[in-house]
N, C-alpha and C. Protein backbone atom coordinates (compact mmCIF):
# COMPACT_ATOMS: atom_id res chain seq x y z
N MET A 1 99.88 -106.75 44.72
CA MET A 1 100.11 -106.59 43.30
C MET A 1 101.25 -105.59 43.11
N VAL A 2 102.25 -105.94 42.35
CA VAL A 2 103.35 -105.02 42.09
C VAL A 2 102.92 -103.99 41.07
N GLU A 3 103.72 -102.95 40.93
CA GLU A 3 103.36 -101.82 40.07
C GLU A 3 103.08 -102.26 38.63
N ASN A 4 103.91 -103.15 38.07
CA ASN A 4 103.73 -103.62 36.70
C ASN A 4 102.40 -104.36 36.55
N GLU A 5 102.06 -105.22 37.52
CA GLU A 5 100.80 -105.95 37.47
C GLU A 5 99.61 -104.99 37.58
N LYS A 6 99.77 -103.98 38.42
CA LYS A 6 98.72 -102.97 38.58
C LYS A 6 98.48 -102.25 37.25
N ASN A 7 99.54 -101.84 36.58
CA ASN A 7 99.41 -101.16 35.29
C ASN A 7 98.75 -102.07 34.25
N ASN A 8 99.19 -103.34 34.21
CA ASN A 8 98.57 -104.29 33.27
C ASN A 8 97.09 -104.46 33.55
N TYR A 9 96.73 -104.53 34.83
CA TYR A 9 95.33 -104.67 35.23
C TYR A 9 94.51 -103.47 34.75
N LEU A 10 95.03 -102.27 34.98
CA LEU A 10 94.31 -101.06 34.58
C LEU A 10 94.20 -100.96 33.06
N ILE A 11 95.26 -101.32 32.34
CA ILE A 11 95.22 -101.30 30.88
C ILE A 11 94.21 -102.31 30.37
N SER A 12 94.17 -103.49 30.97
CA SER A 12 93.20 -104.51 30.58
C SER A 12 91.78 -104.02 30.79
N MET A 13 91.52 -103.39 31.95
CA MET A 13 90.18 -102.84 32.22
C MET A 13 89.81 -101.79 31.18
N GLU A 14 90.76 -100.91 30.86
CA GLU A 14 90.51 -99.85 29.90
C GLU A 14 90.22 -100.43 28.52
N ASN A 15 91.00 -101.42 28.09
CA ASN A 15 90.77 -102.05 26.79
C ASN A 15 89.40 -102.72 26.73
N ASN A 16 89.01 -103.37 27.81
CA ASN A 16 87.69 -104.00 27.84
C ASN A 16 86.58 -102.97 27.69
N LEU A 17 86.74 -101.82 28.33
CA LEU A 17 85.71 -100.80 28.23
C LEU A 17 85.70 -100.15 26.86
N VAL A 18 86.87 -99.86 26.31
CA VAL A 18 86.96 -99.18 25.02
C VAL A 18 86.51 -100.08 23.88
N ASN A 19 86.83 -101.35 23.93
CA ASN A 19 86.53 -102.24 22.82
C ASN A 19 85.10 -102.78 22.82
N LYS A 20 84.34 -102.51 23.84
CA LYS A 20 82.97 -103.00 23.89
C LYS A 20 82.04 -102.01 23.20
N GLU A 21 81.11 -102.52 22.46
CA GLU A 21 80.08 -101.68 21.86
C GLU A 21 78.99 -101.54 22.90
N ILE A 22 78.86 -100.37 23.47
CA ILE A 22 77.94 -100.18 24.58
C ILE A 22 76.50 -100.12 24.09
N ILE A 23 76.24 -99.33 23.08
CA ILE A 23 74.88 -99.21 22.56
C ILE A 23 74.93 -99.38 21.05
N ASP A 24 74.12 -100.29 20.55
CA ASP A 24 73.99 -100.47 19.11
C ASP A 24 72.69 -99.79 18.70
N ILE A 25 72.81 -98.60 18.12
CA ILE A 25 71.61 -97.83 17.78
C ILE A 25 70.81 -98.45 16.64
N ASN A 26 71.38 -99.43 15.96
CA ASN A 26 70.65 -100.12 14.89
C ASN A 26 69.90 -101.35 15.40
N ASP A 27 70.11 -101.70 16.66
CA ASP A 27 69.43 -102.85 17.26
C ASP A 27 67.93 -102.56 17.36
N GLU A 28 67.10 -103.51 16.93
CA GLU A 28 65.64 -103.31 16.93
C GLU A 28 65.09 -103.11 18.34
N THR A 29 65.63 -103.84 19.31
CA THR A 29 65.17 -103.67 20.70
C THR A 29 65.46 -102.26 21.18
N PHE A 30 66.65 -101.77 20.86
CA PHE A 30 67.02 -100.39 21.24
C PHE A 30 66.06 -99.40 20.59
N LYS A 31 65.80 -99.58 19.31
CA LYS A 31 64.91 -98.65 18.60
C LYS A 31 63.52 -98.64 19.20
N LYS A 32 62.99 -99.82 19.53
CA LYS A 32 61.64 -99.89 20.10
C LYS A 32 61.59 -99.28 21.50
N SER A 33 62.63 -99.50 22.26
CA SER A 33 62.64 -99.05 23.66
C SER A 33 62.92 -97.56 23.80
N TYR A 34 63.81 -97.02 22.97
CA TYR A 34 64.30 -95.67 23.21
C TYR A 34 64.06 -94.69 22.09
N SER A 35 63.36 -95.07 21.04
CA SER A 35 63.06 -94.14 19.96
C SER A 35 61.70 -93.53 20.20
N LYS A 36 61.64 -92.62 21.16
CA LYS A 36 60.40 -91.95 21.48
C LYS A 36 60.67 -90.52 21.88
N THR A 37 59.65 -89.74 21.80
CA THR A 37 59.74 -88.36 22.24
C THR A 37 59.26 -88.30 23.69
N ILE A 38 60.08 -87.72 24.53
CA ILE A 38 59.72 -87.54 25.94
C ILE A 38 59.18 -86.12 26.07
N SER A 39 57.93 -86.02 26.48
CA SER A 39 57.32 -84.70 26.56
C SER A 39 57.14 -84.19 27.99
N LYS A 40 57.52 -85.01 28.98
CA LYS A 40 57.40 -84.53 30.35
C LYS A 40 58.62 -83.71 30.72
N VAL A 41 58.46 -82.83 31.71
CA VAL A 41 59.58 -81.99 32.12
C VAL A 41 60.70 -82.87 32.65
N SER A 42 61.92 -82.39 32.45
CA SER A 42 63.08 -83.13 32.93
C SER A 42 64.23 -82.16 33.13
N GLY A 43 65.17 -82.58 33.95
CA GLY A 43 66.33 -81.74 34.23
C GLY A 43 67.60 -82.56 34.15
N MET A 44 68.72 -81.91 34.42
CA MET A 44 70.02 -82.57 34.37
C MET A 44 70.09 -83.75 35.34
N ILE A 45 69.36 -83.68 36.43
CA ILE A 45 69.37 -84.74 37.43
C ILE A 45 68.80 -86.04 36.87
N ASP A 46 68.01 -85.95 35.78
CA ASP A 46 67.40 -87.12 35.16
C ASP A 46 68.29 -87.79 34.12
N VAL A 47 69.38 -87.15 33.73
CA VAL A 47 70.25 -87.69 32.69
C VAL A 47 70.92 -88.99 33.16
N SER A 48 71.50 -88.97 34.34
CA SER A 48 72.22 -90.15 34.83
C SER A 48 71.34 -91.39 34.93
N PRO A 49 70.18 -91.33 35.60
CA PRO A 49 69.37 -92.55 35.66
C PRO A 49 68.87 -93.01 34.30
N THR A 50 68.65 -92.08 33.38
CA THR A 50 68.18 -92.45 32.04
C THR A 50 69.27 -93.19 31.28
N ILE A 51 70.48 -92.66 31.30
CA ILE A 51 71.59 -93.30 30.58
C ILE A 51 71.95 -94.64 31.23
N LEU A 52 71.94 -94.69 32.56
CA LEU A 52 72.23 -95.95 33.25
C LEU A 52 71.22 -97.02 32.85
N ASN A 53 69.95 -96.65 32.73
CA ASN A 53 68.93 -97.60 32.29
C ASN A 53 69.21 -98.06 30.86
N MET A 54 69.59 -97.15 30.00
CA MET A 54 69.89 -97.51 28.61
C MET A 54 71.04 -98.50 28.53
N LEU A 55 71.98 -98.38 29.47
CA LEU A 55 73.14 -99.27 29.50
C LEU A 55 72.86 -100.56 30.27
N GLY A 56 71.67 -100.64 30.85
CA GLY A 56 71.30 -101.83 31.60
C GLY A 56 71.97 -101.91 32.96
N LEU A 57 72.37 -100.77 33.50
CA LEU A 57 73.05 -100.73 34.79
C LEU A 57 72.09 -100.33 35.91
N GLU A 58 72.30 -100.91 37.07
CA GLU A 58 71.47 -100.60 38.23
C GLU A 58 71.79 -99.20 38.72
N GLN A 59 70.80 -98.53 39.27
CA GLN A 59 70.97 -97.15 39.68
C GLN A 59 70.50 -96.95 41.13
N ASN A 60 71.26 -97.45 42.06
CA ASN A 60 70.86 -97.41 43.47
C ASN A 60 70.82 -96.01 44.07
N TYR A 61 71.68 -95.11 43.60
CA TYR A 61 71.81 -93.82 44.27
C TYR A 61 71.42 -92.63 43.39
N ALA A 62 70.76 -92.87 42.30
CA ALA A 62 70.38 -91.76 41.41
C ALA A 62 69.23 -90.98 42.04
N LEU A 63 69.33 -89.67 41.99
CA LEU A 63 68.28 -88.83 42.55
C LEU A 63 67.18 -88.52 41.54
N GLY A 64 67.49 -88.52 40.27
CA GLY A 64 66.51 -88.18 39.26
C GLY A 64 65.66 -89.38 38.86
N GLU A 65 64.95 -89.21 37.76
CA GLU A 65 64.06 -90.24 37.24
C GLU A 65 64.55 -90.71 35.87
N ASP A 66 64.40 -91.98 35.62
CA ASP A 66 64.66 -92.53 34.29
C ASP A 66 63.53 -92.06 33.38
N LEU A 67 63.87 -91.31 32.36
CA LEU A 67 62.84 -90.71 31.51
C LEU A 67 62.14 -91.72 30.60
N PHE A 68 62.70 -92.93 30.48
CA PHE A 68 62.07 -93.95 29.64
C PHE A 68 61.16 -94.88 30.43
N SER A 69 61.04 -94.65 31.71
CA SER A 69 60.11 -95.44 32.51
C SER A 69 59.30 -94.48 33.38
N ASN A 70 58.42 -95.02 34.14
CA ASN A 70 57.56 -94.20 35.01
C ASN A 70 56.77 -93.14 34.24
N PHE A 71 56.20 -93.54 33.11
CA PHE A 71 55.45 -92.57 32.30
C PHE A 71 54.20 -92.07 33.02
N GLU A 72 53.67 -92.88 33.93
CA GLU A 72 52.47 -92.49 34.65
C GLU A 72 52.77 -91.45 35.72
N LYS A 73 53.98 -91.49 36.26
CA LYS A 73 54.37 -90.59 37.34
C LYS A 73 54.80 -89.25 36.77
N GLU A 74 54.29 -88.19 37.37
CA GLU A 74 54.68 -86.85 36.94
C GLU A 74 56.06 -86.53 37.50
N ASN A 75 56.94 -86.05 36.67
CA ASN A 75 58.29 -85.70 37.09
C ASN A 75 58.30 -84.30 37.69
N ILE A 76 59.14 -84.12 38.68
CA ILE A 76 59.33 -82.81 39.30
C ILE A 76 60.78 -82.42 39.10
N VAL A 77 61.01 -81.27 38.48
CA VAL A 77 62.36 -80.75 38.31
C VAL A 77 62.58 -79.73 39.42
N VAL A 78 63.58 -80.00 40.25
CA VAL A 78 63.86 -79.18 41.42
C VAL A 78 65.05 -78.28 41.12
N PHE A 79 64.91 -77.01 41.48
CA PHE A 79 66.00 -76.05 41.34
C PHE A 79 66.65 -75.83 42.70
N PRO A 80 67.94 -75.48 42.74
CA PRO A 80 68.65 -75.34 44.02
C PRO A 80 68.03 -74.32 44.98
N ASN A 81 67.31 -73.35 44.45
CA ASN A 81 66.71 -72.32 45.32
C ASN A 81 65.35 -72.73 45.88
N GLY A 82 64.91 -73.96 45.61
CA GLY A 82 63.63 -74.44 46.13
C GLY A 82 62.48 -74.32 45.15
N ASN A 83 62.71 -73.63 44.04
CA ASN A 83 61.68 -73.57 43.01
C ASN A 83 61.56 -74.95 42.37
N PHE A 84 60.42 -75.24 41.74
CA PHE A 84 60.25 -76.48 41.01
C PHE A 84 59.28 -76.28 39.87
N ILE A 85 59.36 -77.20 38.91
CA ILE A 85 58.44 -77.20 37.79
C ILE A 85 57.98 -78.63 37.55
N THR A 86 56.72 -78.78 37.24
CA THR A 86 56.16 -80.06 36.84
C THR A 86 55.50 -79.84 35.49
N ASP A 87 54.87 -80.85 34.95
CA ASP A 87 54.12 -80.65 33.71
C ASP A 87 52.92 -79.74 33.93
N THR A 88 52.54 -79.56 35.19
CA THR A 88 51.32 -78.83 35.52
C THR A 88 51.56 -77.42 36.03
N VAL A 89 52.59 -77.24 36.87
CA VAL A 89 52.81 -75.93 37.50
C VAL A 89 54.29 -75.57 37.55
N TYR A 90 54.52 -74.25 37.68
CA TYR A 90 55.83 -73.73 38.05
C TYR A 90 55.64 -73.07 39.40
N TYR A 91 56.51 -73.41 40.37
CA TYR A 91 56.39 -72.87 41.72
C TYR A 91 57.62 -72.05 42.05
N ASN A 92 57.41 -70.82 42.55
CA ASN A 92 58.49 -69.93 42.98
C ASN A 92 58.50 -69.95 44.51
N ASP A 93 59.52 -70.55 45.09
CA ASP A 93 59.58 -70.73 46.53
C ASP A 93 59.73 -69.41 47.29
N SER A 94 60.56 -68.50 46.79
CA SER A 94 60.78 -67.24 47.51
C SER A 94 59.52 -66.37 47.56
N LYS A 95 58.68 -66.46 46.56
CA LYS A 95 57.43 -65.69 46.54
C LYS A 95 56.23 -66.51 47.01
N ASN A 96 56.44 -67.82 47.22
CA ASN A 96 55.36 -68.73 47.59
C ASN A 96 54.18 -68.59 46.61
N GLU A 97 54.53 -68.58 45.32
CA GLU A 97 53.53 -68.44 44.26
C GLU A 97 53.71 -69.55 43.24
N TYR A 98 52.63 -69.90 42.60
CA TYR A 98 52.72 -70.88 41.53
C TYR A 98 51.92 -70.40 40.32
N LYS A 99 52.35 -70.87 39.17
CA LYS A 99 51.67 -70.54 37.91
C LYS A 99 51.25 -71.86 37.28
N ILE A 100 50.00 -71.97 36.95
CA ILE A 100 49.49 -73.19 36.32
C ILE A 100 49.89 -73.18 34.84
N LEU A 101 50.51 -74.27 34.39
CA LEU A 101 51.00 -74.37 33.02
C LEU A 101 50.03 -75.10 32.10
N LYS A 102 49.17 -75.93 32.67
CA LYS A 102 48.16 -76.65 31.90
C LYS A 102 46.81 -76.35 32.50
N ASN A 103 45.84 -76.33 31.67
CA ASN A 103 44.49 -76.05 32.14
C ASN A 103 43.85 -77.32 32.71
N VAL A 104 44.45 -77.80 33.79
CA VAL A 104 43.93 -78.98 34.49
C VAL A 104 43.83 -78.64 35.97
N PRO A 105 42.84 -79.17 36.64
CA PRO A 105 42.72 -78.88 38.07
C PRO A 105 43.83 -79.58 38.86
N ILE A 106 44.29 -78.93 39.91
CA ILE A 106 45.27 -79.56 40.79
C ILE A 106 44.61 -79.80 42.14
N GLY A 107 45.03 -80.87 42.79
CA GLY A 107 44.47 -81.21 44.09
C GLY A 107 44.87 -80.21 45.15
N VAL A 108 44.13 -80.23 46.25
CA VAL A 108 44.37 -79.29 47.33
C VAL A 108 45.75 -79.47 47.95
N ASN A 109 46.31 -80.66 47.92
CA ASN A 109 47.63 -80.93 48.51
C ASN A 109 48.74 -81.00 47.47
N TYR A 110 48.45 -80.71 46.23
CA TYR A 110 49.43 -80.87 45.15
C TYR A 110 50.69 -80.05 45.42
N ILE A 111 50.54 -78.76 45.66
CA ILE A 111 51.70 -77.89 45.89
C ILE A 111 52.43 -78.31 47.16
N ARG A 112 51.70 -78.62 48.21
CA ARG A 112 52.32 -79.04 49.47
C ARG A 112 53.15 -80.31 49.28
N ASN A 113 52.61 -81.28 48.55
CA ASN A 113 53.34 -82.53 48.31
C ASN A 113 54.58 -82.30 47.46
N CYS A 114 54.46 -81.45 46.44
CA CYS A 114 55.61 -81.13 45.59
C CYS A 114 56.68 -80.39 46.40
N LYS A 115 56.26 -79.46 47.26
CA LYS A 115 57.22 -78.74 48.10
C LYS A 115 57.94 -79.70 49.05
N LYS A 116 57.22 -80.65 49.62
CA LYS A 116 57.82 -81.62 50.52
C LYS A 116 58.87 -82.45 49.78
N TYR A 117 58.51 -82.93 48.58
CA TYR A 117 59.45 -83.70 47.76
C TYR A 117 60.69 -82.85 47.44
N THR A 118 60.47 -81.60 47.07
CA THR A 118 61.57 -80.69 46.73
C THR A 118 62.51 -80.52 47.91
N GLU A 119 61.97 -80.29 49.10
CA GLU A 119 62.80 -80.12 50.30
C GLU A 119 63.58 -81.39 50.61
N GLU A 120 62.95 -82.55 50.48
CA GLU A 120 63.64 -83.81 50.74
C GLU A 120 64.77 -84.04 49.74
N LEU A 121 64.52 -83.75 48.47
CA LEU A 121 65.54 -83.94 47.45
C LEU A 121 66.72 -83.00 47.67
N LEU A 122 66.44 -81.75 48.02
CA LEU A 122 67.52 -80.80 48.29
C LEU A 122 68.32 -81.20 49.54
N ASP A 123 67.64 -81.73 50.55
CA ASP A 123 68.34 -82.22 51.75
C ASP A 123 69.29 -83.37 51.39
N ILE A 124 68.81 -84.31 50.61
CA ILE A 124 69.65 -85.45 50.19
C ILE A 124 70.82 -84.96 49.35
N SER A 125 70.54 -84.05 48.43
CA SER A 125 71.60 -83.50 47.58
C SER A 125 72.67 -82.82 48.43
N ASN A 126 72.25 -82.06 49.43
CA ASN A 126 73.22 -81.40 50.32
C ASN A 126 74.01 -82.41 51.13
N GLU A 127 73.36 -83.47 51.59
CA GLU A 127 74.07 -84.52 52.32
C GLU A 127 75.19 -85.11 51.45
N ILE A 128 74.88 -85.31 50.18
CA ILE A 128 75.86 -85.90 49.26
C ILE A 128 76.99 -84.91 48.96
N ALA A 129 76.62 -83.69 48.57
CA ALA A 129 77.62 -82.73 48.09
C ALA A 129 78.39 -82.05 49.22
N VAL A 130 77.70 -81.66 50.28
CA VAL A 130 78.33 -80.89 51.34
C VAL A 130 78.95 -81.77 52.42
N TYR A 131 78.24 -82.83 52.79
CA TYR A 131 78.69 -83.65 53.91
C TYR A 131 79.29 -84.99 53.49
N ASN A 132 79.50 -85.19 52.19
CA ASN A 132 80.13 -86.39 51.65
C ASN A 132 79.45 -87.66 52.16
N TYR A 133 78.15 -87.73 51.96
CA TYR A 133 77.32 -88.82 52.45
C TYR A 133 77.83 -90.20 52.06
N PHE A 134 78.27 -90.35 50.81
CA PHE A 134 78.67 -91.66 50.33
C PHE A 134 79.98 -92.15 50.93
N GLU A 135 80.81 -91.25 51.42
CA GLU A 135 82.03 -91.70 52.08
C GLU A 135 81.67 -92.56 53.29
N GLU A 136 80.67 -92.13 54.04
CA GLU A 136 80.23 -92.90 55.21
C GLU A 136 79.56 -94.20 54.79
N ILE A 137 78.71 -94.15 53.79
CA ILE A 137 77.97 -95.33 53.34
C ILE A 137 78.90 -96.37 52.71
N LEU A 138 79.84 -95.92 51.91
CA LEU A 138 80.69 -96.83 51.14
C LEU A 138 82.04 -97.12 51.80
N SER A 139 82.22 -96.71 53.03
CA SER A 139 83.52 -96.88 53.65
C SER A 139 83.70 -98.24 54.33
N ASP A 140 82.75 -99.15 54.18
CA ASP A 140 82.90 -100.47 54.80
C ASP A 140 83.83 -101.35 53.96
N ASP A 141 84.01 -102.58 54.38
CA ASP A 141 84.96 -103.48 53.73
C ASP A 141 84.57 -103.87 52.31
N LYS A 142 83.30 -103.70 51.95
CA LYS A 142 82.86 -104.08 50.60
C LYS A 142 83.32 -103.08 49.55
N TYR A 143 83.61 -101.85 49.98
CA TYR A 143 84.02 -100.81 49.05
C TYR A 143 85.49 -100.98 48.71
N ILE A 144 85.80 -100.95 47.43
CA ILE A 144 87.18 -101.11 46.97
C ILE A 144 87.67 -99.76 46.47
N ASP A 145 88.71 -99.26 47.09
CA ASP A 145 89.32 -98.02 46.66
C ASP A 145 90.34 -98.36 45.58
N GLU A 146 89.99 -98.09 44.31
CA GLU A 146 90.86 -98.48 43.20
C GLU A 146 92.21 -97.79 43.23
N THR A 147 92.30 -96.65 43.91
CA THR A 147 93.59 -95.95 43.98
C THR A 147 94.56 -96.70 44.88
N ARG A 148 94.03 -97.65 45.67
CA ARG A 148 94.89 -98.40 46.60
C ARG A 148 95.17 -99.81 46.10
N ILE A 149 94.84 -100.11 44.85
CA ILE A 149 95.11 -101.46 44.32
C ILE A 149 96.61 -101.69 44.33
N GLY A 150 97.02 -102.81 44.87
CA GLY A 150 98.43 -103.15 44.91
C GLY A 150 99.10 -102.83 46.22
N GLU A 151 98.45 -102.01 47.08
CA GLU A 151 99.03 -101.73 48.38
C GLU A 151 98.80 -102.91 49.31
N LYS A 152 99.70 -103.10 50.23
CA LYS A 152 99.56 -104.19 51.20
C LYS A 152 99.26 -103.66 52.56
């Protein structure tokens, strides 16, 4: 693709994205699906999967939870220092202490399971951010580097 064709291609893609109405907030289906109060704990990591779901896009690599689904599952918000919070407890990793937030009994393995999940999530996050995990995963022939469009 020559430079002019490349520019036309990129402009066409941009126009298609800009001119599309992504979310119609007056749509009845949208109102029924997303007009609710979410009362479970959530963090910034949950924003991406939630918005991707609202847009109807698949979320293969999202680390967080879609806040509009999985209502039965308790969400865990993980902090970079290993602390976490759920609807039930706040856990301080450096002090190995937890504070119960709701007057409900917790199982004997509750904290251990949450700590295991927290460690796994932080390991994955570090693989992505520090070791550029997706470069290895997406470097096969199926991955298209848009910066190289038009090169031969």
